[in-house]
């Protein structure tokens, strides 16, 4: 679905990197507690905020285009190599 923006629902207890990406880019909801009650509450909050979901979905799409992609990572690596920072 190219062109669509989908928010992210992330249940992360042992994946701090994924949680940090979602939080830093405001592109979804992070549920850190893996209890059924916490997950259910997170899903309900996620579903009930339709307007916010659209906004955070667009934030995720923006983050992928601007920072979270291989092209950007290769550019960063090449700059570090050229500046002898590796």
Protein backbone atom coordinates (compact mmCIF):
# COMPACT_ATOMS: atom_id res chain seq x y z
CA UNK A 1 0.00 0.00 0.00
CA UNK A 2 2.32 2.72 -1.20
CA UNK A 3 1.22 6.17 -0.08
CA UNK A 4 -0.69 4.98 2.97
CA UNK A 5 0.42 5.91 6.47
CA UNK A 6 -0.10 3.33 9.16
CA UNK A 7 0.62 3.85 12.84
CA UNK A 8 2.66 1.29 14.75
CA UNK A 9 1.49 -0.66 17.77
CA UNK A 10 4.60 -1.95 19.47
CA UNK A 11 4.57 -4.39 22.37
CA UNK A 12 8.16 -4.09 23.50
CA UNK A 13 9.44 -5.49 26.72
CA UNK A 14 12.79 -6.81 25.56
CA UNK A 15 13.22 -4.67 22.42
CA UNK A 16 14.28 -1.25 23.71
CA UNK A 17 15.55 -0.15 20.28
CA UNK A 18 12.13 -0.65 18.67
CA UNK A 19 10.45 1.11 21.56
CA UNK A 20 12.85 4.05 21.28
CA UNK A 21 12.22 4.41 17.53
CA UNK A 22 8.44 4.49 18.05
CA UNK A 23 8.70 6.96 20.95
CA UNK A 24 11.33 9.23 19.37
CA UNK A 25 9.42 9.54 16.10
CA UNK A 26 5.95 9.64 17.69
CA UNK A 27 4.85 7.04 15.15
CA UNK A 28 2.89 4.63 17.28
CA UNK A 29 2.00 3.33 20.69
CA UNK A 30 4.43 1.41 22.87
CA UNK A 31 3.12 -1.12 25.35
CA UNK A 32 6.01 -2.03 27.62
CA UNK A 33 4.12 -4.31 30.00
CA UNK A 34 3.23 -7.63 28.37
CA UNK A 35 0.34 -8.46 30.69
CA UNK A 36 -2.95 -9.14 28.91
CA UNK A 37 -4.63 -6.21 30.71
CA UNK A 38 -1.92 -3.74 29.64
CA UNK A 39 -1.94 -4.99 26.06
CA UNK A 40 -5.74 -4.73 25.91
CA UNK A 41 -5.64 -1.18 27.29
CA UNK A 42 -2.95 -0.21 24.79
CA UNK A 43 -4.90 -1.62 21.88
CA UNK A 44 -8.09 0.13 23.04
CA UNK A 45 -6.28 3.47 23.37
CA UNK A 46 -4.70 2.91 19.98
CA UNK A 47 -8.00 2.15 18.24
CA UNK A 48 -9.96 4.91 19.98
CA UNK A 49 -7.66 7.70 18.82
CA UNK A 50 -8.38 7.63 15.08
CA UNK A 51 -7.32 11.22 14.42
CA UNK A 52 -4.09 10.78 16.34
CA UNK A 53 -3.47 7.45 14.61
CA UNK A 54 -3.50 9.22 11.24
CA UNK A 55 -0.98 11.76 12.53
CA UNK A 56 1.35 9.18 14.04
CA UNK A 57 1.12 7.07 10.89
CA UNK A 58 2.32 10.06 8.89
CA UNK A 59 5.10 10.60 11.45
CA UNK A 60 6.25 7.04 10.87
CA UNK A 61 6.23 7.48 7.12
CA UNK A 62 8.23 10.69 7.50
CA UNK A 63 10.77 8.98 9.78
CA UNK A 64 11.27 6.18 7.27
CA UNK A 65 11.76 8.59 4.38
CA UNK A 66 14.10 10.91 6.27
CA UNK A 67 16.11 8.72 8.62
CA UNK A 68 15.18 5.07 9.00
CA UNK A 69 16.22 3.63 5.66
CA UNK A 70 19.28 1.97 4.15
CA UNK A 71 20.07 4.86 1.81
CA UNK A 72 20.44 7.24 4.75
CA UNK A 73 22.47 4.70 6.72
CA UNK A 74 24.84 4.19 3.79
CA UNK A 75 25.27 7.96 3.48
CA UNK A 76 26.10 8.21 7.20
CA UNK A 77 28.60 5.36 6.89
CA UNK A 78 30.27 6.91 3.86
CA UNK A 79 30.57 10.27 5.64
CA UNK A 80 32.16 8.57 8.65
CA UNK A 81 34.62 6.75 6.39
CA UNK A 82 35.50 9.94 4.51
CA UNK A 83 36.04 11.80 7.79
CA UNK A 84 38.14 8.92 9.18
CA UNK A 85 35.70 8.50 12.05
CA UNK A 86 35.63 4.73 11.78
